[in-house]
C-alpha atoms as a PDB file:
ATOM      1  CA  MET A   1     -39.191 -25.811 -94.394  1.00  0.00           C
ATOM      2  CA  ARG A   2     -37.180 -26.208 -91.124  1.00  0.00           C
ATOM      3  CA  GLY A   3     -35.774 -29.551 -90.160  1.00  0.00           C
ATOM      4  CA  LYS A   4     -34.619 -30.834 -86.773  1.00  0.00           C
ATOM      5  CA  MET A   5     -33.913 -28.220 -84.226  1.00  0.00           C
ATOM      6  CA  CYS A   6     -30.355 -27.716 -83.268  1.00  0.00           C
ATOM      7  CA  PRO A   7     -30.599 -26.502 -79.488  1.00  0.00           C
ATOM      8  CA  LEU A   8     -27.003 -25.160 -79.542  1.00  0.00           C
ATOM      9  CA  GLY A   9     -26.496 -21.603 -78.696  1.00  0.00           C
ATOM     10  CA  PRO A  10     -24.600 -19.698 -81.364  1.00  0.00           C
ATOM     11  CA  GLY A  11     -21.203 -19.604 -79.415  1.00  0.00           C
ATOM     12  CA  LEU A  12     -21.531 -23.256 -79.038  1.00  0.00           C
ATOM     13  CA  LEU A  13     -22.047 -23.875 -82.517  1.00  0.00           C
ATOM     14  CA  SER A  14     -19.395 -21.723 -83.558  1.00  0.00           C
ATOM     15  CA  ALA A  15     -16.942 -23.563 -81.423  1.00  0.00           C
ATOM     16  CA  ILE A  16     -17.928 -26.874 -82.950  1.00  0.00           C
ATOM     17  CA  SER A  17     -17.669 -25.282 -86.327  1.00  0.00           C
ATOM     18  CA  LYS A  18     -14.096 -24.295 -85.509  1.00  0.00           C
ATOM     19  CA  ARG A  19     -13.071 -27.802 -84.356  1.00  0.00           C
ATOM     20  CA  SER A  20     -14.354 -29.386 -87.354  1.00  0.00           C
ATOM     21  CA  GLY A  21     -13.044 -27.138 -89.619  1.00  0.00           C
ATOM     22  CA  ALA A  22     -16.494 -26.132 -91.124  1.00  0.00           C
ATOM     23  CA  LYS A  23     -17.857 -22.479 -91.430  1.00  0.00           C
ATOM     24  CA  ALA A  24     -20.422 -21.674 -88.685  1.00  0.00           C
ATOM     25  CA  GLN A  25     -23.763 -20.810 -90.302  1.00  0.00           C
ATOM     26  CA  TYR A  26     -27.321 -21.895 -90.042  1.00  0.00           C
ATOM     27  CA  THR A  27     -28.890 -23.265 -93.128  1.00  0.00           C
ATOM     28  CA  SER A  28     -32.610 -24.262 -94.040  1.00  0.00           C
ATOM     29  CA  PHE A  29     -31.910 -27.743 -92.281  1.00  0.00           C
ATOM     30  CA  MET A  30     -31.098 -26.241 -89.122  1.00  0.00           C
ATOM     31  CA  GLU A  31     -33.013 -24.429 -86.709  1.00  0.00           C
ATOM     32  CA  LYS A  32     -31.477 -21.623 -84.318  1.00  0.00           C
ATOM     33  CA  PRO A  33     -31.740 -21.729 -80.677  1.00  0.00           C
ATOM     34  CA  LEU A  34     -34.765 -20.212 -79.230  1.00  0.00           C
ATOM     35  CA  VAL A  35     -34.948 -17.802 -76.221  1.00  0.00           C
ATOM     36  CA  LEU A  36     -38.215 -16.714 -74.371  1.00  0.00           C
ATOM     37  CA  ILE A  37     -37.895 -13.199 -73.187  1.00  0.00           C
ATOM     38  CA  THR A  38     -40.959 -11.844 -71.051  1.00  0.00           C
ATOM     39  CA  GLY A  39     -42.121  -8.308 -70.678  1.00  0.00           C
ATOM     40  CA  VAL A  40     -41.522  -7.354 -74.099  1.00  0.00           C
ATOM     41  CA  GLY A  41     -44.316  -4.752 -74.536  1.00  0.00           C
ATOM     42  CA  ARG A  42     -42.597  -1.497 -75.597  1.00  0.00           C
ATOM     43  CA  SER A  43     -39.922  -1.267 -78.226  1.00  0.00           C
ATOM     44  CA  ALA A  44     -38.084   1.252 -75.976  1.00  0.00           C
ATOM     45  CA  GLY A  45     -38.131  -1.329 -73.132  1.00  0.00           C
ATOM     46  CA  ILE A  46     -35.314  -3.176 -71.796  1.00  0.00           C
ATOM     47  CA  GLY A  47     -36.855  -6.534 -72.913  1.00  0.00           C
ATOM     48  CA  ALA A  48     -36.913  -5.163 -76.450  1.00  0.00           C
ATOM     49  CA  GLY A  49     -33.516  -4.136 -76.391  1.00  0.00           C
ATOM     50  CA  ILE A  50     -32.358  -7.729 -75.326  1.00  0.00           C
ATOM     51  CA  ALA A  51     -34.439  -9.107 -78.300  1.00  0.00           C
ATOM     52  CA  ARG A  52     -32.634  -7.135 -80.602  1.00  0.00           C
ATOM     53  CA  GLN A  53     -29.323  -7.899 -79.571  1.00  0.00           C
ATOM     54  CA  LEU A  54     -30.242 -11.730 -79.152  1.00  0.00           C
ATOM     55  CA  ALA A  55     -31.362 -11.685 -82.651  1.00  0.00           C
ATOM     56  CA  SER A  56     -28.458 -10.101 -83.951  1.00  0.00           C
ATOM     57  CA  ASP A  57     -26.544 -13.010 -82.031  1.00  0.00           C
ATOM     58  CA  GLY A  58     -28.487 -15.407 -83.926  1.00  0.00           C
ATOM     59  CA  TRP A  59     -31.330 -16.518 -81.563  1.00  0.00           C
ATOM     60  CA  ASP A  60     -35.061 -17.044 -82.590  1.00  0.00           C
ATOM     61  CA  ILE A  61     -37.281 -15.219 -80.299  1.00  0.00           C
ATOM     62  CA  ALA A  62     -40.407 -15.894 -78.045  1.00  0.00           C
ATOM     63  CA  ILE A  63     -41.777 -12.752 -76.667  1.00  0.00           C
ATOM     64  CA  ASN A  64     -44.433 -12.502 -73.871  1.00  0.00           C
ATOM     65  CA  TYR A  65     -46.238  -9.358 -73.584  1.00  0.00           C
ATOM     66  CA  TRP A  66     -49.361  -7.979 -71.854  1.00  0.00           C
ATOM     67  CA  PRO A  67     -50.816  -4.938 -73.346  1.00  0.00           C
ATOM     68  CA  SER A  68     -53.195  -4.081 -70.305  1.00  0.00           C
ATOM     69  CA  TYR A  69     -50.162  -3.392 -68.147  1.00  0.00           C
ATOM     70  CA  ASP A  70     -48.469  -1.383 -70.651  1.00  0.00           C
ATOM     71  CA  LEU A  71     -51.426   1.106 -71.402  1.00  0.00           C
ATOM     72  CA  LYS A  72     -51.765   1.650 -67.525  1.00  0.00           C
ATOM     73  CA  MET A  73     -48.125   2.779 -67.268  1.00  0.00           C
ATOM     74  CA  SER A  74     -47.354   6.386 -67.861  1.00  0.00           C
ATOM     75  CA  THR A  75     -45.407   5.637 -70.670  1.00  0.00           C
ATOM     76  CA  GLY A  76     -48.041   4.369 -72.396  1.00  0.00           C
ATOM     77  CA  ILE A  77     -47.640   2.106 -75.953  1.00  0.00           C
ATOM     78  CA  LEU A  78     -48.521   2.737 -79.508  1.00  0.00           C
ATOM     79  CA  PRO A  79     -50.941   0.512 -81.205  1.00  0.00           C
ATOM     80  CA  SER A  80     -48.106  -0.370 -83.783  1.00  0.00           C
ATOM     81  CA  ASP A  81     -45.386  -0.562 -81.359  1.00  0.00           C
ATOM     82  CA  LEU A  82     -45.096  -4.481 -80.958  1.00  0.00           C
ATOM     83  CA  ASP A  83     -45.731  -4.961 -84.751  1.00  0.00           C
ATOM     84  CA  ASP A  84     -42.897  -2.645 -85.528  1.00  0.00           C
ATOM     85  CA  LEU A  85     -40.660  -4.736 -83.191  1.00  0.00           C
ATOM     86  CA  ILE A  86     -41.499  -7.925 -84.453  1.00  0.00           C
ATOM     87  CA  ALA A  87     -41.070  -6.800 -87.885  1.00  0.00           C
ATOM     88  CA  GLU A  88     -37.807  -5.620 -87.088  1.00  0.00           C
ATOM     89  CA  LEU A  89     -36.621  -8.965 -85.379  1.00  0.00           C
ATOM     90  CA  SER A  90     -37.944 -10.777 -88.274  1.00  0.00           C
ATOM     91  CA  ALA A  91     -35.824  -8.676 -90.602  1.00  0.00           C
ATOM     92  CA  ALA A  92     -32.898  -9.654 -88.473  1.00  0.00           C
ATOM     93  CA  GLY A  93     -33.522 -13.179 -89.557  1.00  0.00           C
ATOM     94  CA  ALA A  94     -35.416 -14.227 -86.302  1.00  0.00           C
ATOM     95  CA  GLN A  95     -38.243 -16.570 -86.262  1.00  0.00           C
ATOM     96  CA  VAL A  96     -40.545 -14.673 -83.760  1.00  0.00           C
ATOM     97  CA  ILE A  97     -43.429 -16.469 -81.386  1.00  0.00           C
ATOM     98  CA  ALA A  98     -45.339 -13.621 -79.825  1.00  0.00           C
ATOM     99  CA  VAL A  99     -47.546 -15.081 -76.928  1.00  0.00           C
ATOM    100  CA  PRO A 100     -49.613 -12.298 -74.876  1.00  0.00           C
ATOM    101  CA  GLY A 101     -50.386 -13.386 -71.338  1.00  0.00           C
ATOM    102  CA  ASP A 102     -51.094 -11.794 -67.832  1.00  0.00           C
ATOM    103  CA  LEU A 103     -48.315 -13.425 -65.517  1.00  0.00           C
ATOM    104  CA  ALA A 104     -50.362 -12.483 -62.731  1.00  0.00           C
ATOM    105  CA  HIS A 105     -52.307 -15.554 -63.597  1.00  0.00           C
ATOM    106  CA  VAL A 106     -51.343 -19.078 -62.344  1.00  0.00           C
ATOM    107  CA  ASP A 107     -51.789 -20.797 -65.667  1.00  0.00           C
ATOM    108  CA  THR A 108     -50.046 -18.296 -67.808  1.00  0.00           C
ATOM    109  CA  ALA A 109     -46.391 -19.550 -67.709  1.00  0.00           C
ATOM    110  CA  LYS A 110     -47.528 -23.084 -68.678  1.00  0.00           C
ATOM    111  CA  THR A 111     -49.686 -21.794 -71.466  1.00  0.00           C
ATOM    112  CA  ILE A 112     -46.779 -19.859 -72.819  1.00  0.00           C
ATOM    113  CA  PHE A 113     -44.322 -23.009 -73.035  1.00  0.00           C
ATOM    114  CA  ASP A 114     -47.523 -24.930 -74.411  1.00  0.00           C
ATOM    115  CA  ILE A 115     -47.677 -22.396 -77.318  1.00  0.00           C
ATOM    116  CA  ILE A 116     -43.849 -22.578 -78.026  1.00  0.00           C
ATOM    117  CA  ALA A 117     -44.240 -26.551 -77.857  1.00  0.00           C
ATOM    118  CA  LYS A 118     -47.035 -26.336 -80.406  1.00  0.00           C
ATOM    119  CA  ASN A 119     -44.868 -24.537 -82.743  1.00  0.00           C
ATOM    120  CA  LYS A 120     -42.427 -27.483 -82.448  1.00  0.00           C
ATOM    121  CA  ARG A 121     -39.529 -25.559 -80.658  1.00  0.00           C
ATOM    122  CA  ALA A 122     -38.241 -25.742 -77.204  1.00  0.00           C
ATOM    123  CA  ALA A 123     -36.451 -22.802 -75.556  1.00  0.00           C
ATOM    124  CA  SER A 124     -32.758 -22.989 -74.779  1.00  0.00           C
ATOM    125  CA  GLY A 125     -32.719 -19.570 -72.965  1.00  0.00           C
ATOM    126  CA  LEU A 126     -35.067 -17.784 -70.821  1.00  0.00           C
ATOM    127  CA  VAL A 127     -34.823 -14.095 -69.754  1.00  0.00           C
ATOM    128  CA  LEU A 128     -37.216 -12.684 -67.214  1.00  0.00           C
ATOM    129  CA  SER A 129     -37.675  -9.011 -67.741  1.00  0.00           C
ATOM    130  CA  HIS A 130     -41.068  -8.701 -67.074  1.00  0.00           C
ATOM    131  CA  CYS A 131     -42.542  -6.806 -63.741  1.00  0.00           C
ATOM    132  CA  GLU A 132     -45.297  -5.560 -61.538  1.00  0.00           C
ATOM    133  CA  SER A 133     -44.181  -1.981 -60.456  1.00  0.00           C
ATOM    134  CA  VAL A 134     -46.201   0.560 -58.556  1.00  0.00           C
ATOM    135  CA  ASN A 135     -44.628   3.095 -56.146  1.00  0.00           C
ATOM    136  CA  SER A 136     -45.958   2.582 -52.445  1.00  0.00           C
ATOM    137  CA  GLY A 137     -44.384   2.483 -49.068  1.00  0.00           C
ATOM    138  CA  ILE A 138     -44.792   0.550 -45.839  1.00  0.00           C
ATOM    139  CA  LEU A 139     -47.582   2.521 -44.766  1.00  0.00           C
ATOM    140  CA  ASP A 140     -49.476   2.935 -47.929  1.00  0.00           C
ATOM    141  CA  THR A 141     -48.995  -0.298 -49.655  1.00  0.00           C
ATOM    142  CA  SER A 142     -52.398  -2.182 -50.106  1.00  0.00           C
ATOM    143  CA  LEU A 143     -52.688  -6.077 -49.565  1.00  0.00           C
ATOM    144  CA  GLU A 144     -53.894  -6.248 -53.306  1.00  0.00           C
ATOM    145  CA  SER A 145     -50.844  -4.317 -54.645  1.00  0.00           C
ATOM    146  CA  PHE A 146     -48.548  -6.490 -52.129  1.00  0.00           C
ATOM    147  CA  GLU A 147     -49.913  -9.787 -53.520  1.00  0.00           C
ATOM    148  CA  GLN A 148     -49.998  -8.489 -57.166  1.00  0.00           C
ATOM    149  CA  HIS A 149     -46.216  -7.828 -57.259  1.00  0.00           C
ATOM    150  CA  PHE A 150     -45.279 -10.990 -55.581  1.00  0.00           C
ATOM    151  CA  ALA A 151     -47.662 -12.901 -58.169  1.00  0.00           C
ATOM    152  CA  VAL A 152     -45.937 -11.264 -61.182  1.00  0.00           C
ATOM    153  CA  ASN A 153     -42.285 -10.735 -60.062  1.00  0.00           C
ATOM    154  CA  ALA A 154     -41.783 -13.862 -57.747  1.00  0.00           C
ATOM    155  CA  ARG A 155     -44.306 -16.496 -58.263  1.00  0.00           C
ATOM    156  CA  ALA A 156     -44.573 -16.199 -62.178  1.00  0.00           C
ATOM    157  CA  SER A 157     -40.974 -16.019 -62.418  1.00  0.00           C
ATOM    158  CA  TRP A 158     -40.635 -19.609 -60.459  1.00  0.00           C
ATOM    159  CA  GLN A 159     -43.239 -20.908 -62.606  1.00  0.00           C
ATOM    160  CA  LEU A 160     -41.552 -19.715 -65.914  1.00  0.00           C
ATOM    161  CA  ILE A 161     -38.205 -21.169 -64.546  1.00  0.00           C
ATOM    162  CA  ARG A 162     -40.090 -24.499 -63.588  1.00  0.00           C
ATOM    163  CA  ALA A 163     -41.651 -24.709 -67.166  1.00  0.00           C
ATOM    164  CA  PHE A 164     -38.521 -23.768 -68.786  1.00  0.00           C
ATOM    165  CA  ALA A 165     -36.318 -26.383 -67.126  1.00  0.00           C
ATOM    166  CA  LEU A 166     -38.989 -29.296 -67.796  1.00  0.00           C
ATOM    167  CA  GLN A 167     -38.560 -28.702 -71.496  1.00  0.00           C
ATOM    168  CA  VAL A 168     -34.882 -27.622 -72.008  1.00  0.00           C
ATOM    169  CA  PRO A 169     -32.960 -29.474 -74.537  1.00  0.00           C
ATOM    170  CA  SER A 170     -30.334 -31.892 -73.158  1.00  0.00           C
ATOM    171  CA  GLU A 171     -27.627 -29.544 -74.094  1.00  0.00           C
ATOM    172  CA  GLY A 172     -28.800 -27.286 -71.334  1.00  0.00           C
ATOM    173  CA  GLY A 173     -29.660 -23.462 -71.481  1.00  0.00           C
ATOM    174  CA  ARG A 174     -29.483 -20.291 -70.073  1.00  0.00           C
ATOM    175  CA  ILE A 175     -31.464 -18.379 -67.423  1.00  0.00           C
ATOM    176  CA  VAL A 176     -30.985 -14.440 -66.965  1.00  0.00           C
ATOM    177  CA  ALA A 177     -33.680 -12.069 -64.996  1.00  0.00           C
ATOM    178  CA  LEU A 178     -33.501  -8.569 -64.276  1.00  0.00           C
ATOM    179  CA  THR A 179     -33.742  -7.414 -60.798  1.00  0.00           C
ATOM    180  CA  SER A 180     -33.638  -3.994 -59.013  1.00  0.00           C
ATOM    181  CA  ASP A 181     -32.687  -2.967 -55.313  1.00  0.00           C
ATOM    182  CA  SER A 182     -35.016  -0.072 -55.298  1.00  0.00           C
ATOM    183  CA  ILE A 183     -37.189  -0.544 -52.214  1.00  0.00           C
ATOM    184  CA  ILE A 184     -37.575   2.699 -50.479  1.00  0.00           C
ATOM    185  CA  ASN A 185     -41.173   4.040 -50.979  1.00  0.00           C
ATOM    186  CA  ASN A 186     -41.152   1.088 -53.541  1.00  0.00           C
ATOM    187  CA  LEU A 187     -41.883  -1.730 -51.055  1.00  0.00           C
ATOM    188  CA  PRO A 188     -43.832  -4.160 -52.985  1.00  0.00           C
ATOM    189  CA  TYR A 189     -41.808  -3.918 -56.051  1.00  0.00           C
ATOM    190  CA  GLY A 190     -38.444  -4.191 -53.973  1.00  0.00           C
ATOM    191  CA  ALA A 191     -39.307  -6.829 -51.804  1.00  0.00           C
ATOM    192  CA  SER A 192     -40.662  -9.182 -54.765  1.00  0.00           C
ATOM    193  CA  LYS A 193     -37.696  -8.498 -56.911  1.00  0.00           C
ATOM    194  CA  ALA A 194     -35.551  -9.639 -53.929  1.00  0.00           C
ATOM    195  CA  ALA A 195     -37.511 -12.956 -53.824  1.00  0.00           C
ATOM    196  CA  LEU A 196     -36.705 -13.070 -57.465  1.00  0.00           C
ATOM    197  CA  ASP A 197     -32.888 -13.204 -57.015  1.00  0.00           C
ATOM    198  CA  ARG A 198     -33.225 -15.965 -54.628  1.00  0.00           C
ATOM    199  CA  ILE A 199     -35.249 -17.908 -56.953  1.00  0.00           C
ATOM    200  CA  VAL A 200     -32.739 -17.477 -59.862  1.00  0.00           C
ATOM    201  CA  LEU A 201     -29.679 -17.985 -57.990  1.00  0.00           C
ATOM    202  CA  THR A 202     -31.247 -21.380 -56.378  1.00  0.00           C
ATOM    203  CA  ALA A 203     -31.627 -22.531 -60.104  1.00  0.00           C
ATOM    204  CA  SER A 204     -28.120 -22.355 -60.532  1.00  0.00           C
ATOM    205  CA  ARG A 205     -27.476 -25.389 -58.029  1.00  0.00           C
ATOM    206  CA  GLU A 206     -30.727 -27.229 -58.255  1.00  0.00           C
ATOM    207  CA  LEU A 207     -31.163 -27.045 -62.278  1.00  0.00           C
ATOM    208  CA  ALA A 208     -27.264 -27.586 -62.627  1.00  0.00           C
ATOM    209  CA  HIS A 209     -27.966 -31.695 -63.527  1.00  0.00           C
ATOM    210  CA  LEU A 210     -29.878 -30.098 -66.538  1.00  0.00           C
ATOM    211  CA  HIS A 211     -26.863 -27.970 -67.545  1.00  0.00           C
ATOM    212  CA  ILE A 212     -28.800 -24.759 -66.838  1.00  0.00           C
ATOM    213  CA  VAL A 213     -26.673 -21.655 -66.313  1.00  0.00           C
ATOM    214  CA  SER A 214     -28.671 -19.121 -64.184  1.00  0.00           C
ATOM    215  CA  ASN A 215     -27.557 -15.299 -63.409  1.00  0.00           C
ATOM    216  CA  VAL A 216     -29.433 -12.213 -62.350  1.00  0.00           C
ATOM    217  CA  ILE A 217     -28.686  -8.659 -63.601  1.00  0.00           C
ATOM    218  CA  ASN A 218     -29.205  -5.367 -61.649  1.00  0.00           C
ATOM    219  CA  PRO A 219     -28.867  -2.937 -64.338  1.00  0.00           C
ATOM    220  CA  GLY A 220     -29.523   0.377 -62.361  1.00  0.00           C
ATOM    221  CA  PRO A 221     -31.727   3.190 -63.450  1.00  0.00           C
ATOM    222  CA  ILE A 222     -32.596   2.651 -67.171  1.00  0.00           C
ATOM    223  CA  ASP A 223     -34.401   5.276 -68.845  1.00  0.00           C
ATOM    224  CA  THR A 224     -36.912   3.655 -71.065  1.00  0.00           C
ATOM    225  CA  GLY A 225     -39.325   6.596 -70.852  1.00  0.00           C
ATOM    226  CA  TRP A 226     -40.707   6.180 -67.306  1.00  0.00           C
ATOM    227  CA  MET A 227     -38.340   8.756 -65.538  1.00  0.00           C
ATOM    228  CA  SER A 228     -39.639  12.398 -64.720  1.00  0.00           C
ATOM    229  CA  GLU A 229     -37.027  15.093 -65.213  1.00  0.00           C
ATOM    230  CA  ALA A 230     -36.562  15.578 -61.411  1.00  0.00           C
ATOM    231  CA  VAL A 231     -35.820  11.543 -61.561  1.00  0.00           C
ATOM    232  CA  ARG A 232     -33.447  11.721 -64.451  1.00  0.00           C
ATOM    233  CA  MET A 233     -31.497  14.558 -62.927  1.00  0.00           C
ATOM    234  CA  ALA A 234     -31.251  12.928 -59.538  1.00  0.00           C
ATOM    235  CA  CYS A 235     -29.987   9.672 -61.303  1.00  0.00           C
ATOM    236  CA  LEU A 236     -27.566  11.505 -63.487  1.00  0.00           C
ATOM    237  CA  SER A 237     -26.025  13.075 -60.420  1.00  0.00           C
ATOM    238  CA  ARG A 238     -25.092   9.677 -59.181  1.00  0.00           C
ATOM    239  CA  GLN A 239     -23.750   8.244 -62.272  1.00  0.00           C
ATOM    240  CA  PRO A 240     -19.832   8.591 -62.777  1.00  0.00           C
ATOM    241  CA  SER A 241     -20.110   7.710 -66.447  1.00  0.00           C
ATOM    242  CA  GLY A 242     -22.195  11.129 -66.789  1.00  0.00           C
ATOM    243  CA  ARG A 243     -24.993   9.288 -68.631  1.00  0.00           C
ATOM    244  CA  LEU A 244     -27.973   7.002 -67.730  1.00  0.00           C
ATOM    245  CA  GLY A 245     -27.915   3.343 -68.981  1.00  0.00           C
ATOM    246  CA  THR A 246     -29.831   2.266 -71.902  1.00  0.00           C
ATOM    247  CA  PRO A 247     -31.392  -0.970 -72.924  1.00  0.00           C
ATOM    248  CA  ALA A 248     -28.493  -1.681 -75.233  1.00  0.00           C
ATOM    249  CA  ASP A 249     -25.988  -1.632 -72.242  1.00  0.00           C
ATOM    250  CA  THR A 250     -27.945  -4.451 -70.562  1.00  0.00           C
ATOM    251  CA  ALA A 251     -28.692  -6.358 -73.653  1.00  0.00           C
ATOM    252  CA  ASN A 252     -24.858  -6.594 -74.090  1.00  0.00           C
ATOM    253  CA  LEU A 253     -24.290  -8.324 -70.784  1.00  0.00           C
ATOM    254  CA  VAL A 254     -27.054 -10.795 -71.671  1.00  0.00           C
ATOM    255  CA  SER A 255     -25.564 -11.458 -74.991  1.00  0.00           C
ATOM    256  CA  PHE A 256     -22.403 -12.410 -72.949  1.00  0.00           C
ATOM    257  CA  LEU A 257     -23.785 -14.497 -70.569  1.00  0.00           C
ATOM    258  CA  PHE A 258     -25.709 -16.336 -73.460  1.00  0.00           C
ATOM    259  CA  SER A 259     -22.489 -16.897 -75.305  1.00  0.00           C
ATOM    260  CA  ASN A 260     -19.978 -19.525 -74.902  1.00  0.00           C
ATOM    261  CA  ARG A 261     -17.614 -17.312 -73.383  1.00  0.00           C
ATOM    262  CA  GLY A 262     -20.158 -16.464 -70.405  1.00  0.00           C
ATOM    263  CA  ALA A 263     -20.599 -20.159 -69.503  1.00  0.00           C
ATOM    264  CA  TRP A 264     -18.374 -19.861 -66.520  1.00  0.00           C
ATOM    265  CA  ILE A 265     -20.403 -17.220 -64.733  1.00  0.00           C
ATOM    266  CA  ASN A 266     -23.180 -19.020 -62.995  1.00  0.00           C
ATOM    267  CA  GLY A 267     -25.235 -18.342 -59.771  1.00  0.00           C
ATOM    268  CA  GLN A 268     -24.363 -14.486 -59.665  1.00  0.00           C
ATOM    269  CA  LEU A 269     -26.121 -11.261 -59.046  1.00  0.00           C
ATOM    270  CA  LEU A 270     -24.194  -9.034 -61.362  1.00  0.00           C
ATOM    271  CA  LYS A 271     -24.262  -5.101 -61.203  1.00  0.00           C
ATOM    272  CA  SER A 272     -24.237  -3.488 -64.571  1.00  0.00           C
ATOM    273  CA  ASP A 273     -25.123  -0.091 -63.753  1.00  0.00           C
ATOM    274  CA  GLY A 274     -22.097   2.237 -64.976  1.00  0.00           C
ATOM    275  CA  GLY A 275     -20.892   2.660 -61.258  1.00  0.00           C
ATOM    276  CA  PHE A 276     -24.269   4.019 -60.224  1.00  0.00           C
ATOM    277  CA  SER A 277     -24.090   1.807 -57.044  1.00  0.00           C
ATOM    278  CA  SER A 278     -20.576   2.441 -56.207  1.00  0.00           C
END
């Protein structure tokens, strides 16, 4: 049986333990901090990679997913995909709260945090890795598609940040959002991601009194199964590193930003793309 929640991140807990001379560890009387990660529908995705890393770092994991979106994408999803990921996170020692929900709906963000609260938890971290992404340009984007992209990528992100801030522990928390500067022939996706950037960077100022640190990561092209061979080769031709990015590359940066060592980085849009944008 778990006792009272300890909302300190693993890095902060370690620092306190060193000062006190005690060994840093979690016991049955102490809860790990909880992070909510959105867009964790496929085990090959960036969100899943971040979940694995943060579970390894000592976080409990709440994941939001929406199977209907994953199924309509070309990459698809195996029926056991999410179950396997949850089992993997649990084996790593994380308590997992899985919450399905369509972020295009205005009530979903509140519902997610209501479910977290019903589990007698409060989130100390928020990772926004969900997205709506359907390619179209200026001339062929429909009004419906444009509004859907902004509902999921911008409005829902604002609602999630707001709900997170209203329940964050007094010690504060961390927010990281994933963005993209892909907009040519990808208008609604790129424009709505640009709006997301501004919302998250604004949070670094407006939520400072709550001790919330907020940053945005642009990971560049990450091959999670969506790339055609032509796209893969085109991206590789621009990569000085000679390889494409992986979910683990992004997860490593999120891990740092969520640690005590990353606390000074705030209000930044960080490019972590292996030199793709250079």
